C-alpha atoms as a PDB file:
ATOM      1  CA  UNK A   1      -8.761  41.232   3.617  1.00  0.00           C
ATOM      2  CA  UNK A   2      -7.817  40.088   0.341  1.00  0.00           C
ATOM      3  CA  UNK A   3      -5.691  41.953  -2.108  1.00  0.00           C
ATOM      4  CA  UNK A   4      -8.179  43.041  -4.629  1.00  0.00           C
ATOM      5  CA  UNK A   5      -9.451  46.500  -6.389  1.00  0.00           C
ATOM      6  CA  UNK A   6     -12.430  47.984  -5.040  1.00  0.00           C
ATOM      7  CA  UNK A   7     -14.587  49.895  -7.361  1.00  0.00           C
ATOM      8  CA  UNK A   8     -17.552  50.803  -5.119  1.00  0.00           C
ATOM      9  CA  UNK A   9     -17.199  53.721  -2.686  1.00  0.00           C
ATOM     10  CA  UNK A  10     -19.705  52.182  -0.154  1.00  0.00           C
ATOM     11  CA  UNK A  11     -17.982  48.751  -0.221  1.00  0.00           C
ATOM     12  CA  UNK A  12     -14.665  50.541   0.275  1.00  0.00           C
ATOM     13  CA  UNK A  13     -16.008  52.510   3.296  1.00  0.00           C
ATOM     14  CA  UNK A  14     -17.323  49.192   4.722  1.00  0.00           C
ATOM     15  CA  UNK A  15     -14.035  47.533   4.565  1.00  0.00           C
ATOM     16  CA  UNK A  16     -12.213  50.579   5.907  1.00  0.00           C
ATOM     17  CA  UNK A  17     -14.613  50.751   8.910  1.00  0.00           C
ATOM     18  CA  UNK A  18     -14.350  47.063   9.558  1.00  0.00           C
ATOM     19  CA  UNK A  19     -10.410  47.297   9.441  1.00  0.00           C
ATOM     20  CA  UNK A  20     -10.692  49.704  12.536  1.00  0.00           C
ATOM     21  CA  UNK A  21     -10.305  53.112  10.586  1.00  0.00           C
ATOM     22  CA  UNK A  22     -12.987  55.475  11.597  1.00  0.00           C
ATOM     23  CA  UNK A  23     -15.611  56.289   8.885  1.00  0.00           C
ATOM     24  CA  UNK A  24     -14.753  59.180   6.463  1.00  0.00           C
ATOM     25  CA  UNK A  25     -16.692  61.354   4.200  1.00  0.00           C
ATOM     26  CA  UNK A  26     -14.840  61.695   0.776  1.00  0.00           C
ATOM     27  CA  UNK A  27     -15.746  64.756  -1.016  1.00  0.00           C
ATOM     28  CA  UNK A  28     -14.081  64.045  -4.120  1.00  0.00           C
ATOM     29  CA  UNK A  29     -15.410  60.671  -4.779  1.00  0.00           C
ATOM     30  CA  UNK A  30     -16.120  59.873  -8.384  1.00  0.00           C
ATOM     31  CA  UNK A  31     -17.796  57.332 -10.624  1.00  0.00           C
ATOM     32  CA  UNK A  32     -14.391  55.874 -11.655  1.00  0.00           C
ATOM     33  CA  UNK A  33     -13.557  55.347  -8.001  1.00  0.00           C
ATOM     34  CA  UNK A  34     -10.735  52.563  -7.608  1.00  0.00           C
ATOM     35  CA  UNK A  35      -9.041  51.670  -4.269  1.00  0.00           C
ATOM     36  CA  UNK A  36      -7.292  48.534  -2.595  1.00  0.00           C
ATOM     37  CA  UNK A  37      -7.021  47.680   1.237  1.00  0.00           C
ATOM     38  CA  UNK A  38      -5.009  44.927   2.785  1.00  0.00           C
ATOM     39  CA  UNK A  39      -5.230  44.208   6.527  1.00  0.00           C
ATOM     40  CA  UNK A  40      -2.832  41.959   8.417  1.00  0.00           C
ATOM     41  CA  UNK A  41      -2.368  41.379  12.097  1.00  0.00           C
ATOM     42  CA  UNK A  42       0.844  41.535  14.204  1.00  0.00           C
ATOM     43  CA  UNK A  43       0.201  40.681  17.827  1.00  0.00           C
ATOM     44  CA  UNK A  44      -1.975  43.477  19.222  1.00  0.00           C
ATOM     45  CA  UNK A  45      -1.221  45.658  15.961  1.00  0.00           C
ATOM     46  CA  UNK A  46      -3.297  45.954  12.922  1.00  0.00           C
ATOM     47  CA  UNK A  47      -1.393  46.775   9.599  1.00  0.00           C
ATOM     48  CA  UNK A  48      -3.849  48.307   6.909  1.00  0.00           C
ATOM     49  CA  UNK A  49      -2.249  49.045   3.359  1.00  0.00           C
ATOM     50  CA  UNK A  50      -4.289  51.268   1.329  1.00  0.00           C
ATOM     51  CA  UNK A  51      -4.181  52.617  -2.316  1.00  0.00           C
ATOM     52  CA  UNK A  52      -6.620  55.523  -2.699  1.00  0.00           C
ATOM     53  CA  UNK A  53      -7.436  57.964  -5.490  1.00  0.00           C
ATOM     54  CA  UNK A  54      -7.293  61.608  -5.228  1.00  0.00           C
ATOM     55  CA  UNK A  55      -9.531  62.453  -2.021  1.00  0.00           C
ATOM     56  CA  UNK A  56     -10.531  65.182   0.324  1.00  0.00           C
ATOM     57  CA  UNK A  57     -11.868  63.554   3.293  1.00  0.00           C
ATOM     58  CA  UNK A  58     -13.497  64.472   6.750  1.00  0.00           C
ATOM     59  CA  UNK A  59     -13.491  62.238   9.875  1.00  0.00           C
ATOM     60  CA  UNK A  60     -16.166  63.137  12.521  1.00  0.00           C
ATOM     61  CA  UNK A  61     -15.339  63.049  16.206  1.00  0.00           C
ATOM     62  CA  UNK A  62     -16.258  59.568  17.888  1.00  0.00           C
ATOM     63  CA  UNK A  63     -17.301  58.569  21.040  1.00  0.00           C
ATOM     64  CA  UNK A  64     -14.544  57.937  23.723  1.00  0.00           C
ATOM     65  CA  UNK A  65     -15.407  54.233  24.002  1.00  0.00           C
ATOM     66  CA  UNK A  66     -14.325  54.054  20.289  1.00  0.00           C
ATOM     67  CA  UNK A  67     -10.955  55.353  21.224  1.00  0.00           C
ATOM     68  CA  UNK A  68      -9.045  52.099  22.180  1.00  0.00           C
ATOM     69  CA  UNK A  69      -6.538  52.523  19.422  1.00  0.00           C
ATOM     70  CA  UNK A  70      -4.186  55.246  18.052  1.00  0.00           C
ATOM     71  CA  UNK A  71      -3.262  55.251  14.465  1.00  0.00           C
ATOM     72  CA  UNK A  72       0.100  55.958  12.910  1.00  0.00           C
ATOM     73  CA  UNK A  73      -0.100  56.780   9.166  1.00  0.00           C
ATOM     74  CA  UNK A  74       2.880  56.318   6.960  1.00  0.00           C
ATOM     75  CA  UNK A  75       2.670  57.662   3.420  1.00  0.00           C
ATOM     76  CA  UNK A  76       4.597  55.452   0.915  1.00  0.00           C
ATOM     77  CA  UNK A  77       3.428  57.274  -2.544  1.00  0.00           C
ATOM     78  CA  UNK A  78       2.023  60.645  -3.327  1.00  0.00           C
ATOM     79  CA  UNK A  79       1.399  63.623  -1.053  1.00  0.00           C
ATOM     80  CA  UNK A  80      -1.204  64.146   1.778  1.00  0.00           C
ATOM     81  CA  UNK A  81      -2.101  67.086   4.113  1.00  0.00           C
ATOM     82  CA  UNK A  82      -3.675  66.160   7.505  1.00  0.00           C
ATOM     83  CA  UNK A  83      -5.195  68.454  10.003  1.00  0.00           C
ATOM     84  CA  UNK A  84      -5.836  67.280  13.434  1.00  0.00           C
ATOM     85  CA  UNK A  85      -5.920  69.193  16.739  1.00  0.00           C
ATOM     86  CA  UNK A  86      -3.354  71.821  16.594  1.00  0.00           C
ATOM     87  CA  UNK A  87      -1.369  70.000  13.961  1.00  0.00           C
ATOM     88  CA  UNK A  88      -1.256  70.518  10.286  1.00  0.00           C
ATOM     89  CA  UNK A  89       0.933  68.091   8.433  1.00  0.00           C
ATOM     90  CA  UNK A  90       2.203  68.157   4.916  1.00  0.00           C
ATOM     91  CA  UNK A  91       3.412  64.387   4.246  1.00  0.00           C
ATOM     92  CA  UNK A  92       5.675  63.337   1.360  1.00  0.00           C
ATOM     93  CA  UNK A  93       6.629  59.635   0.862  1.00  0.00           C
ATOM     94  CA  UNK A  94       8.289  58.140   3.920  1.00  0.00           C
ATOM     95  CA  UNK A  95       6.677  60.533   6.177  1.00  0.00           C
ATOM     96  CA  UNK A  96       4.437  59.692   9.224  1.00  0.00           C
ATOM     97  CA  UNK A  97       1.873  61.327  11.509  1.00  0.00           C
ATOM     98  CA  UNK A  98       0.178  60.094  14.727  1.00  0.00           C
ATOM     99  CA  UNK A  99      -3.747  60.249  14.658  1.00  0.00           C
ATOM    100  CA  UNK A 100      -6.219  60.143  17.452  1.00  0.00           C
ATOM    101  CA  UNK A 101      -9.333  58.326  15.941  1.00  0.00           C
ATOM    102  CA  UNK A 102     -11.560  59.921  18.698  1.00  0.00           C
ATOM    103  CA  UNK A 103     -10.981  63.372  17.499  1.00  0.00           C
ATOM    104  CA  UNK A 104     -12.215  65.114  14.157  1.00  0.00           C
ATOM    105  CA  UNK A 105      -9.770  65.367  11.320  1.00  0.00           C
ATOM    106  CA  UNK A 106      -9.582  66.176   7.734  1.00  0.00           C
ATOM    107  CA  UNK A 107      -7.132  65.454   4.831  1.00  0.00           C
ATOM    108  CA  UNK A 108      -6.519  66.067   1.287  1.00  0.00           C
ATOM    109  CA  UNK A 109      -4.384  63.814  -0.943  1.00  0.00           C
ATOM    110  CA  UNK A 110      -3.090  63.096  -4.445  1.00  0.00           C
ATOM    111  CA  UNK A 111      -3.537  59.529  -5.692  1.00  0.00           C
ATOM    112  CA  UNK A 112      -1.614  57.866  -2.840  1.00  0.00           C
ATOM    113  CA  UNK A 113      -0.406  54.541  -1.046  1.00  0.00           C
ATOM    114  CA  UNK A 114      -0.108  54.397   2.561  1.00  0.00           C
ATOM    115  CA  UNK A 115       0.244  52.100   5.592  1.00  0.00           C
ATOM    116  CA  UNK A 116      -1.686  52.724   8.892  1.00  0.00           C
ATOM    117  CA  UNK A 117      -0.611  51.047  12.025  1.00  0.00           C
ATOM    118  CA  UNK A 118      -3.623  50.773  14.528  1.00  0.00           C
ATOM    119  CA  UNK A 119      -2.167  50.157  17.976  1.00  0.00           C
ATOM    120  CA  UNK A 120      -3.867  49.910  21.383  1.00  0.00           C
ATOM    121  CA  UNK A 121      -3.551  53.351  23.035  1.00  0.00           C
ATOM    122  CA  UNK A 122      -2.348  51.780  26.263  1.00  0.00           C
ATOM    123  CA  UNK A 123       0.684  49.986  24.329  1.00  0.00           C
ATOM    124  CA  UNK A 124       2.167  53.610  23.521  1.00  0.00           C
ATOM    125  CA  UNK A 125       1.779  54.778  26.988  1.00  0.00           C
ATOM    126  CA  UNK A 126       1.967  58.316  25.931  1.00  0.00           C
ATOM    127  CA  UNK A 127       0.645  61.073  28.389  1.00  0.00           C
ATOM    128  CA  UNK A 128      -2.579  63.060  27.370  1.00  0.00           C
ATOM    129  CA  UNK A 129      -0.483  66.309  27.412  1.00  0.00           C
ATOM    130  CA  UNK A 130       2.162  64.788  25.075  1.00  0.00           C
ATOM    131  CA  UNK A 131      -0.406  63.258  22.850  1.00  0.00           C
ATOM    132  CA  UNK A 132      -1.990  66.859  22.364  1.00  0.00           C
ATOM    133  CA  UNK A 133       1.415  68.042  21.181  1.00  0.00           C
ATOM    134  CA  UNK A 134       2.090  65.503  18.531  1.00  0.00           C
ATOM    135  CA  UNK A 135      -1.061  64.388  17.320  1.00  0.00           C
ATOM    136  CA  UNK A 136      -1.295  65.635  13.626  1.00  0.00           C
ATOM    137  CA  UNK A 137       2.224  66.668  13.455  1.00  0.00           C
ATOM    138  CA  UNK A 138       4.538  65.582  10.485  1.00  0.00           C
ATOM    139  CA  UNK A 139       7.379  63.255  11.571  1.00  0.00           C
ATOM    140  CA  UNK A 140       9.976  63.273   9.023  1.00  0.00           C
ATOM    141  CA  UNK A 141      10.623  59.725   7.642  1.00  0.00           C
ATOM    142  CA  UNK A 142      13.977  60.501   5.809  1.00  0.00           C
ATOM    143  CA  UNK A 143      16.048  60.152   8.758  1.00  0.00           C
ATOM    144  CA  UNK A 144      16.420  59.210  12.530  1.00  0.00           C
ATOM    145  CA  UNK A 145      13.838  57.096  14.363  1.00  0.00           C
ATOM    146  CA  UNK A 146      11.076  58.340  11.831  1.00  0.00           C
ATOM    147  CA  UNK A 147      12.929  56.559   8.977  1.00  0.00           C
ATOM    148  CA  UNK A 148      13.255  53.237  10.931  1.00  0.00           C
ATOM    149  CA  UNK A 149       9.506  53.367  11.710  1.00  0.00           C
ATOM    150  CA  UNK A 150       8.563  54.335   8.009  1.00  0.00           C
ATOM    151  CA  UNK A 151      10.648  51.390   6.744  1.00  0.00           C
ATOM    152  CA  UNK A 152       9.414  48.961   9.226  1.00  0.00           C
ATOM    153  CA  UNK A 153       5.835  49.819   8.826  1.00  0.00           C
ATOM    154  CA  UNK A 154       6.176  49.145   4.988  1.00  0.00           C
ATOM    155  CA  UNK A 155       8.066  45.808   5.359  1.00  0.00           C
ATOM    156  CA  UNK A 156       5.708  44.681   8.126  1.00  0.00           C
ATOM    157  CA  UNK A 157       2.669  45.560   5.926  1.00  0.00           C
ATOM    158  CA  UNK A 158       4.082  42.984   3.268  1.00  0.00           C
ATOM    159  CA  UNK A 159       5.226  40.332   5.534  1.00  0.00           C
ATOM    160  CA  UNK A 160       3.402  40.198   8.468  1.00  0.00           C
ATOM    161  CA  UNK A 161       2.493  36.611   8.182  1.00  0.00           C
ATOM    162  CA  UNK A 162       3.773  33.338   9.533  1.00  0.00           C
ATOM    163  CA  UNK A 163       4.601  34.540  12.947  1.00  0.00           C
ATOM    164  CA  UNK A 164       4.118  32.318  15.970  1.00  0.00           C
ATOM    165  CA  UNK A 165       2.240  33.846  18.836  1.00  0.00           C
ATOM    166  CA  UNK A 166       5.283  34.843  20.785  1.00  0.00           C
ATOM    167  CA  UNK A 167       7.216  36.012  17.794  1.00  0.00           C
ATOM    168  CA  UNK A 168       4.390  38.388  16.793  1.00  0.00           C
ATOM    169  CA  UNK A 169       4.125  39.795  20.358  1.00  0.00           C
ATOM    170  CA  UNK A 170       7.913  40.739  20.382  1.00  0.00           C
ATOM    171  CA  UNK A 171       7.869  41.950  16.955  1.00  0.00           C
ATOM    172  CA  UNK A 172       5.078  44.278  17.759  1.00  0.00           C
ATOM    173  CA  UNK A 173       6.537  45.391  20.808  1.00  0.00           C
ATOM    174  CA  UNK A 174       9.649  46.491  18.781  1.00  0.00           C
ATOM    175  CA  UNK A 175       7.452  48.523  16.299  1.00  0.00           C
ATOM    176  CA  UNK A 176       5.568  50.352  19.308  1.00  0.00           C
ATOM    177  CA  UNK A 177       9.016  50.943  20.924  1.00  0.00           C
ATOM    178  CA  UNK A 178      10.337  52.748  17.742  1.00  0.00           C
ATOM    179  CA  UNK A 179       7.236  54.566  17.302  1.00  0.00           C
ATOM    180  CA  UNK A 180       7.387  55.882  21.021  1.00  0.00           C
ATOM    181  CA  UNK A 181      11.100  56.709  20.104  1.00  0.00           C
ATOM    182  CA  UNK A 182      10.231  58.761  17.150  1.00  0.00           C
ATOM    183  CA  UNK A 183       7.411  60.574  19.005  1.00  0.00           C
ATOM    184  CA  UNK A 184       9.935  61.476  21.859  1.00  0.00           C
ATOM    185  CA  UNK A 185      12.234  62.808  19.369  1.00  0.00           C
ATOM    186  CA  UNK A 186       9.577  65.011  17.988  1.00  0.00           C
ATOM    187  CA  UNK A 187       8.594  66.181  21.551  1.00  0.00           C
ATOM    188  CA  UNK A 188      12.216  67.098  22.261  1.00  0.00           C
ATOM    189  CA  UNK A 189      14.422  65.906  25.248  1.00  0.00           C
ATOM    190  CA  UNK A 190      12.029  66.487  27.843  1.00  0.00           C
ATOM    191  CA  UNK A 191      12.764  64.092  30.775  1.00  0.00           C
ATOM    192  CA  UNK A 192       9.991  62.072  32.214  1.00  0.00           C
ATOM    193  CA  UNK A 193       8.636  62.916  35.710  1.00  0.00           C
ATOM    194  CA  UNK A 194       9.737  60.553  38.643  1.00  0.00           C
ATOM    195  CA  UNK A 195       6.163  59.143  38.840  1.00  0.00           C
ATOM    196  CA  UNK A 196       6.109  58.460  34.879  1.00  0.00           C
ATOM    197  CA  UNK A 197       9.739  56.545  35.286  1.00  0.00           C
ATOM    198  CA  UNK A 198       8.319  54.388  38.271  1.00  0.00           C
ATOM    199  CA  UNK A 199       4.971  53.738  36.425  1.00  0.00           C
ATOM    200  CA  UNK A 200       7.020  52.384  33.318  1.00  0.00           C
ATOM    201  CA  UNK A 201       9.064  50.144  35.626  1.00  0.00           C
ATOM    202  CA  UNK A 202       5.937  48.896  37.073  1.00  0.00           C
ATOM    203  CA  UNK A 203       4.332  48.057  33.666  1.00  0.00           C
ATOM    204  CA  UNK A 204       7.408  46.397  32.696  1.00  0.00           C
ATOM    205  CA  UNK A 205       7.319  44.498  35.912  1.00  0.00           C
ATOM    206  CA  UNK A 206       3.780  43.413  35.249  1.00  0.00           C
ATOM    207  CA  UNK A 207       4.441  42.364  31.610  1.00  0.00           C
ATOM    208  CA  UNK A 208       7.252  40.115  32.797  1.00  0.00           C
ATOM    209  CA  UNK A 209       5.055  38.219  35.367  1.00  0.00           C
ATOM    210  CA  UNK A 210       1.910  37.846  33.616  1.00  0.00           C
ATOM    211  CA  UNK A 211       2.030  33.960  33.790  1.00  0.00           C
ATOM    212  CA  UNK A 212       2.310  34.328  37.672  1.00  0.00           C
ATOM    213  CA  UNK A 213      -1.173  33.498  39.027  1.00  0.00           C
ATOM    214  CA  UNK A 214      -0.411  35.462  42.168  1.00  0.00           C
ATOM    215  CA  UNK A 215       0.345  38.708  40.205  1.00  0.00           C
ATOM    216  CA  UNK A 216      -1.819  41.354  41.985  1.00  0.00           C
ATOM    217  CA  UNK A 217      -1.665  45.029  43.114  1.00  0.00           C
ATOM    218  CA  UNK A 218      -0.317  44.138  46.603  1.00  0.00           C
ATOM    219  CA  UNK A 219       2.272  41.987  45.234  1.00  0.00           C
ATOM    220  CA  UNK A 220       3.336  44.802  42.781  1.00  0.00           C
ATOM    221  CA  UNK A 221       3.335  47.559  45.436  1.00  0.00           C
ATOM    222  CA  UNK A 222       5.469  45.409  47.655  1.00  0.00           C
ATOM    223  CA  UNK A 223       8.012  44.660  44.818  1.00  0.00           C
ATOM    224  CA  UNK A 224       8.475  48.434  44.254  1.00  0.00           C
ATOM    225  CA  UNK A 225       8.470  49.337  48.057  1.00  0.00           C
ATOM    226  CA  UNK A 226       5.456  51.517  47.852  1.00  0.00           C
ATOM    227  CA  UNK A 227       1.971  51.277  49.504  1.00  0.00           C
ATOM    228  CA  UNK A 228      -0.975  49.856  47.467  1.00  0.00           C
ATOM    229  CA  UNK A 229      -2.563  53.471  47.765  1.00  0.00           C
ATOM    230  CA  UNK A 230       0.512  55.077  46.230  1.00  0.00           C
ATOM    231  CA  UNK A 231       0.217  52.312  43.505  1.00  0.00           C
ATOM    232  CA  UNK A 232      -3.229  53.206  42.532  1.00  0.00           C
ATOM    233  CA  UNK A 233      -2.394  57.037  42.574  1.00  0.00           C
ATOM    234  CA  UNK A 234       0.186  56.444  40.109  1.00  0.00           C
ATOM    235  CA  UNK A 235      -2.351  54.891  37.731  1.00  0.00           C
ATOM    236  CA  UNK A 236      -5.305  57.053  38.513  1.00  0.00           C
ATOM    237  CA  UNK A 237      -4.893  59.279  35.331  1.00  0.00           C
ATOM    238  CA  UNK A 238      -4.193  56.103  33.139  1.00  0.00           C
ATOM    239  CA  UNK A 239      -6.782  54.390  30.963  1.00  0.00           C
ATOM    240  CA  UNK A 240      -6.685  51.247  33.075  1.00  0.00           C
ATOM    241  CA  UNK A 241      -6.388  50.421  36.884  1.00  0.00           C
ATOM    242  CA  UNK A 242      -3.417  48.066  37.811  1.00  0.00           C
ATOM    243  CA  UNK A 243      -5.844  45.185  38.228  1.00  0.00           C
ATOM    244  CA  UNK A 244      -7.432  46.141  34.890  1.00  0.00           C
ATOM    245  CA  UNK A 245      -4.137  46.417  33.233  1.00  0.00           C
ATOM    246  CA  UNK A 246      -2.966  42.993  34.420  1.00  0.00           C
ATOM    247  CA  UNK A 247      -6.314  41.403  33.321  1.00  0.00           C
ATOM    248  CA  UNK A 248      -6.163  43.074  30.032  1.00  0.00           C
ATOM    249  CA  UNK A 249      -2.440  42.051  29.303  1.00  0.00           C
ATOM    250  CA  UNK A 250      -3.350  38.517  30.268  1.00  0.00           C
ATOM    251  CA  UNK A 251      -6.234  38.427  27.755  1.00  0.00           C
ATOM    252  CA  UNK A 252      -4.061  39.784  25.035  1.00  0.00           C
ATOM    253  CA  UNK A 253      -1.440  36.997  25.452  1.00  0.00           C
ATOM    254  CA  UNK A 254      -4.370  34.482  25.607  1.00  0.00           C
ATOM    255  CA  UNK A 255      -5.832  35.819  22.431  1.00  0.00           C
ATOM    256  CA  UNK A 256      -2.353  35.716  20.691  1.00  0.00           C
ATOM    257  CA  UNK A 257      -1.691  32.037  21.855  1.00  0.00           C
ATOM    258  CA  UNK A 258      -5.187  30.847  20.890  1.00  0.00           C
ATOM    259  CA  UNK A 259      -4.683  32.264  17.384  1.00  0.00           C
ATOM    260  CA  UNK A 260      -1.589  30.389  16.632  1.00  0.00           C
ATOM    261  CA  UNK A 261      -0.786  27.553  19.199  1.00  0.00           C
ATOM    262  CA  UNK A 262      -3.369  24.939  18.928  1.00  0.00           C
ATOM    263  CA  UNK A 263      -3.705  24.471  22.522  1.00  0.00           C
ATOM    264  CA  UNK A 264      -7.046  24.233  24.465  1.00  0.00           C
ATOM    265  CA  UNK A 265      -8.789  27.215  25.688  1.00  0.00           C
ATOM    266  CA  UNK A 266      -8.635  25.812  29.322  1.00  0.00           C
ATOM    267  CA  UNK A 267      -4.729  25.397  29.016  1.00  0.00           C
ATOM    268  CA  UNK A 268      -4.101  28.619  27.579  1.00  0.00           C
ATOM    269  CA  UNK A 269      -6.158  30.376  30.323  1.00  0.00           C
ATOM    270  CA  UNK A 270      -4.217  28.488  33.045  1.00  0.00           C
ATOM    271  CA  UNK A 271      -0.831  29.256  31.494  1.00  0.00           C
ATOM    272  CA  UNK A 272      -1.725  33.167  31.917  1.00  0.00           C
ATOM    273  CA  UNK A 273      -3.130  33.119  35.334  1.00  0.00           C
ATOM    274  CA  UNK A 274      -6.849  32.557  34.756  1.00  0.00           C
ATOM    275  CA  UNK A 275      -7.825  29.456  37.006  1.00  0.00           C
ATOM    276  CA  UNK A 276     -11.370  29.637  36.523  1.00  0.00           C
ATOM    277  CA  UNK A 277     -12.413  28.634  32.873  1.00  0.00           C
ATOM    278  CA  UNK A 278     -15.875  29.957  33.035  1.00  0.00           C
ATOM    279  CA  UNK A 279     -14.638  33.340  34.338  1.00  0.00           C
ATOM    280  CA  UNK A 280     -12.036  33.466  31.814  1.00  0.00           C
ATOM    281  CA  UNK A 281     -14.716  32.758  28.879  1.00  0.00           C
ATOM    282  CA  UNK A 282     -16.945  35.603  30.255  1.00  0.00           C
ATOM    283  CA  UNK A 283     -14.046  38.050  30.385  1.00  0.00           C
ATOM    284  CA  UNK A 284     -12.808  37.119  26.954  1.00  0.00           C
ATOM    285  CA  UNK A 285     -16.059  37.412  25.245  1.00  0.00           C
ATOM    286  CA  UNK A 286     -16.844  40.731  27.031  1.00  0.00           C
ATOM    287  CA  UNK A 287     -13.555  42.102  25.861  1.00  0.00           C
ATOM    288  CA  UNK A 288     -13.462  40.864  22.281  1.00  0.00           C
ATOM    289  CA  UNK A 289     -16.960  40.254  21.469  1.00  0.00           C
ATOM    290  CA  UNK A 290     -16.614  36.474  20.606  1.00  0.00           C
ATOM    291  CA  UNK A 291     -15.991  33.314  22.291  1.00  0.00           C
ATOM    292  CA  UNK A 292     -12.462  32.057  22.827  1.00  0.00           C
ATOM    293  CA  UNK A 293     -13.478  28.567  21.709  1.00  0.00           C
ATOM    294  CA  UNK A 294     -14.920  30.131  18.504  1.00  0.00           C
ATOM    295  CA  UNK A 295     -11.265  31.552  17.876  1.00  0.00           C
ATOM    296  CA  UNK A 296      -9.643  28.253  18.386  1.00  0.00           C
ATOM    297  CA  UNK A 297     -12.078  26.420  16.054  1.00  0.00           C
ATOM    298  CA  UNK A 298     -11.586  29.109  13.298  1.00  0.00           C
ATOM    299  CA  UNK A 299      -7.921  28.630  13.695  1.00  0.00           C
ATOM    300  CA  UNK A 300      -8.117  24.806  13.345  1.00  0.00           C
ATOM    301  CA  UNK A 301     -10.210  25.197  10.380  1.00  0.00           C
ATOM    302  CA  UNK A 302      -7.931  27.528   8.737  1.00  0.00           C
ATOM    303  CA  UNK A 303      -4.817  25.265   9.606  1.00  0.00           C
ATOM    304  CA  UNK A 304      -6.488  22.302   8.184  1.00  0.00           C
ATOM    305  CA  UNK A 305      -7.488  23.841   4.961  1.00  0.00           C
ATOM    306  CA  UNK A 306      -3.806  25.287   4.662  1.00  0.00           C
ATOM    307  CA  UNK A 307      -2.591  21.796   5.219  1.00  0.00           C
ATOM    308  CA  UNK A 308      -5.054  20.588   2.639  1.00  0.00           C
ATOM    309  CA  UNK A 309      -4.042  22.892  -0.043  1.00  0.00           C
ATOM    310  CA  UNK A 310      -0.509  21.996   0.651  1.00  0.00           C
ATOM    311  CA  UNK A 311      -1.063  18.407   0.166  1.00  0.00           C
ATOM    312  CA  UNK A 312      -3.054  18.956  -3.120  1.00  0.00           C
ATOM    313  CA  UNK A 313       0.191  21.128  -4.353  1.00  0.00           C
ATOM    314  CA  UNK A 314       2.403  18.284  -3.554  1.00  0.00           C
ATOM    315  CA  UNK A 315       0.179  15.821  -5.361  1.00  0.00           C
ATOM    316  CA  UNK A 316       0.125  17.883  -8.336  1.00  0.00           C
ATOM    317  CA  UNK A 317       3.806  18.226  -8.342  1.00  0.00           C
ATOM    318  CA  UNK A 318       4.453  14.568  -7.961  1.00  0.00           C
ATOM    319  CA  UNK A 319       1.973  13.839 -10.837  1.00  0.00           C
ATOM    320  CA  UNK A 320       3.977  16.068 -13.271  1.00  0.00           C
ATOM    321  CA  UNK A 321       7.333  14.316 -12.224  1.00  0.00           C
END
């Protein structure tokens, strides 16, 4: 979305919802409303920069199907109070808070600026019991891992453009890891249970072998010297089964590569373990709501437009020399 001032509350609400932030009811909306919203993508992350007037908002509970993402809000200017779950966070510049979009929340703020990072819930891999303890809780952005997340969020929101697909994925992974570290620091020094450590190793193993067409639950189980039944048991309280996790991560890699590589849909699908193009196309549309070919076409059109603009600028420069 472009960097422009929005003077209509309804338009702002529409753009906010389109960016992935749950609908809000602003109880302090005035006739002279002015706001700004800029959205950028970084791999699986969405970075939303907001400038808003004084606000008192309520976000209603949403259906579980709308809860694929978690949100990390980093305040860069002003002061905000946010209540969600058991948390009641008073944020100053640099501070951050984790929010669960499926849960009701409310906040009050002065005129402020903030960056919201929307990240897939599965990327953070936080246990439900731990999520309950940190959602809506202030994380100090002045020192420690919270300060790193705060600085990185602000910089990423300004410069998350021009990344190749692989660079974007690795950069996003670094951001998610820092967020996880800051949440763990807030939780304290709890040691993960043995099952959690094993599950994390398995997820890392899967991520490193997504291009292997033979990657499957039986192979994953064998590589970790456990039975397939034990493997499924480890993931029974997770958002995705092992097979679904493999499929979703592969689709994410395909989507990222199709966005920036210029390769064909069939070639990208085969690179990430999808041998049947028709099956891949159906999965992709079911997951993202649009065709993979449409993404490629849109990307090529954008690249052509960018090159054309660059050529025009070069011509203008030559004409003035």
